[in-house]
Amino acid sequence: MTDNFIAESTLSCPECGHSKKETMPTNACQWLYECESCHVFLKPKKGDCCGVHFDSVTKL
């Protein structure tokens, strides 16, 4: 990890538009994210690794 690592990302749900700032886990992969507003499960886009790119999510 470098000194420039930013562990926060703002997620926007493609279903309802709800946005929330989240802190990425640094000790595990996160494969799914549940929107706290509409409860749709989101996953990384094909080719993205295990949720590290939280800002590039698609509806499951």
C-alpha atoms as a PDB file:
ATOM      1  CA  MET A   1       0.000   0.000   0.000  1.00  0.00           C
ATOM      2  CA  THR A   2       1.286   3.463  -0.800  1.00  0.00           C
ATOM      3  CA  ASP A   3       0.880   6.723   1.073  1.00  0.00           C
ATOM      4  CA  ASN A   4      -1.502   7.902  -1.669  1.00  0.00           C
ATOM      5  CA  PHE A   5      -4.013   5.087  -1.116  1.00  0.00           C
ATOM      6  CA  ILE A   6      -7.567   6.415  -0.704  1.00  0.00           C
ATOM      7  CA  ALA A   7      -9.850   3.921   1.030  1.00  0.00           C
ATOM      8  CA  GLU A   8     -13.039   5.948   0.556  1.00  0.00           C
ATOM      9  CA  SER A   9     -15.360   5.979  -2.414  1.00  0.00           C
ATOM     10  CA  THR A  10     -18.821   7.374  -3.078  1.00  0.00           C
ATOM     11  CA  LEU A  11     -21.177   4.704  -4.351  1.00  0.00           C
ATOM     12  CA  SER A  12     -24.197   5.625  -6.437  1.00  0.00           C
ATOM     13  CA  CYS A  13     -26.936   3.056  -6.963  1.00  0.00           C
ATOM     14  CA  PRO A  14     -27.862   2.724 -10.657  1.00  0.00           C
ATOM     15  CA  GLU A  15     -31.376   1.637  -9.644  1.00  0.00           C
ATOM     16  CA  CYS A  16     -32.510   4.452  -7.308  1.00  0.00           C
ATOM     17  CA  GLY A  17     -29.666   7.002  -7.458  1.00  0.00           C
ATOM     18  CA  HIS A  18     -28.910   6.864  -3.724  1.00  0.00           C
ATOM     19  CA  SER A  19     -25.300   7.867  -2.957  1.00  0.00           C
ATOM     20  CA  LYS A  20     -23.209   7.069   0.085  1.00  0.00           C
ATOM     21  CA  LYS A  21     -19.544   7.464   0.980  1.00  0.00           C
ATOM     22  CA  GLU A  22     -18.089   4.106   2.019  1.00  0.00           C
ATOM     23  CA  THR A  23     -14.697   2.966   3.264  1.00  0.00           C
ATOM     24  CA  MET A  24     -13.211   0.098   1.297  1.00  0.00           C
ATOM     25  CA  PRO A  25     -11.999  -2.856   3.331  1.00  0.00           C
ATOM     26  CA  THR A  26      -8.224  -3.211   3.222  1.00  0.00           C
ATOM     27  CA  ASN A  27      -8.074  -6.745   4.608  1.00  0.00           C
ATOM     28  CA  ALA A  28     -10.687  -8.507   2.451  1.00  0.00           C
ATOM     29  CA  CYS A  29     -12.447  -8.421  -0.919  1.00  0.00           C
ATOM     30  CA  GLN A  30     -16.011  -7.177  -1.122  1.00  0.00           C
ATOM     31  CA  TRP A  31     -17.906  -8.884  -3.935  1.00  0.00           C
ATOM     32  CA  LEU A  32     -21.363  -7.438  -3.331  1.00  0.00           C
ATOM     33  CA  TYR A  33     -22.747  -4.191  -1.988  1.00  0.00           C
ATOM     34  CA  GLU A  34     -26.368  -3.716  -0.900  1.00  0.00           C
ATOM     35  CA  CYS A  35     -27.909  -0.293  -1.500  1.00  0.00           C
ATOM     36  CA  GLU A  36     -29.252   0.847   1.860  1.00  0.00           C
ATOM     37  CA  SER A  37     -32.081   2.742   0.148  1.00  0.00           C
ATOM     38  CA  CYS A  38     -33.648   0.251  -2.308  1.00  0.00           C
ATOM     39  CA  HIS A  39     -31.778  -2.915  -1.181  1.00  0.00           C
ATOM     40  CA  VAL A  40     -30.634  -3.865  -4.683  1.00  0.00           C
ATOM     41  CA  PHE A  41     -27.375  -5.824  -4.621  1.00  0.00           C
ATOM     42  CA  LEU A  42     -24.569  -4.346  -6.720  1.00  0.00           C
ATOM     43  CA  LYS A  43     -21.456  -6.066  -8.019  1.00  0.00           C
ATOM     44  CA  PRO A  44     -18.306  -4.900  -9.807  1.00  0.00           C
ATOM     45  CA  LYS A  45     -18.415  -4.570 -13.579  1.00  0.00           C
ATOM     46  CA  LYS A  46     -16.986  -7.494 -15.521  1.00  0.00           C
ATOM     47  CA  GLY A  47     -13.203  -7.272 -15.473  1.00  0.00           C
ATOM     48  CA  ASP A  48     -13.014  -5.283 -12.224  1.00  0.00           C
ATOM     49  CA  CYS A  49     -11.471  -7.115  -9.310  1.00  0.00           C
ATOM     50  CA  CYS A  50     -13.600  -8.003  -6.301  1.00  0.00           C
ATOM     51  CA  GLY A  51     -15.220  -4.656  -5.570  1.00  0.00           C
ATOM     52  CA  VAL A  52     -12.032  -2.603  -5.341  1.00  0.00           C
ATOM     53  CA  HIS A  53     -13.576  -0.301  -7.949  1.00  0.00           C
ATOM     54  CA  PHE A  54     -16.669   0.484  -5.904  1.00  0.00           C
ATOM     55  CA  ASP A  55     -17.528   3.430  -8.113  1.00  0.00           C
ATOM     56  CA  SER A  56     -18.047   1.121 -11.105  1.00  0.00           C
ATOM     57  CA  VAL A  57     -20.947  -1.045 -10.050  1.00  0.00           C
ATOM     58  CA  THR A  58     -23.773  -2.669 -11.972  1.00  0.00           C
ATOM     59  CA  LYS A  59     -27.072  -4.116 -10.838  1.00  0.00           C
ATOM     60  CA  LEU A  60     -26.839  -7.802  -9.910  1.00  0.00           C
END
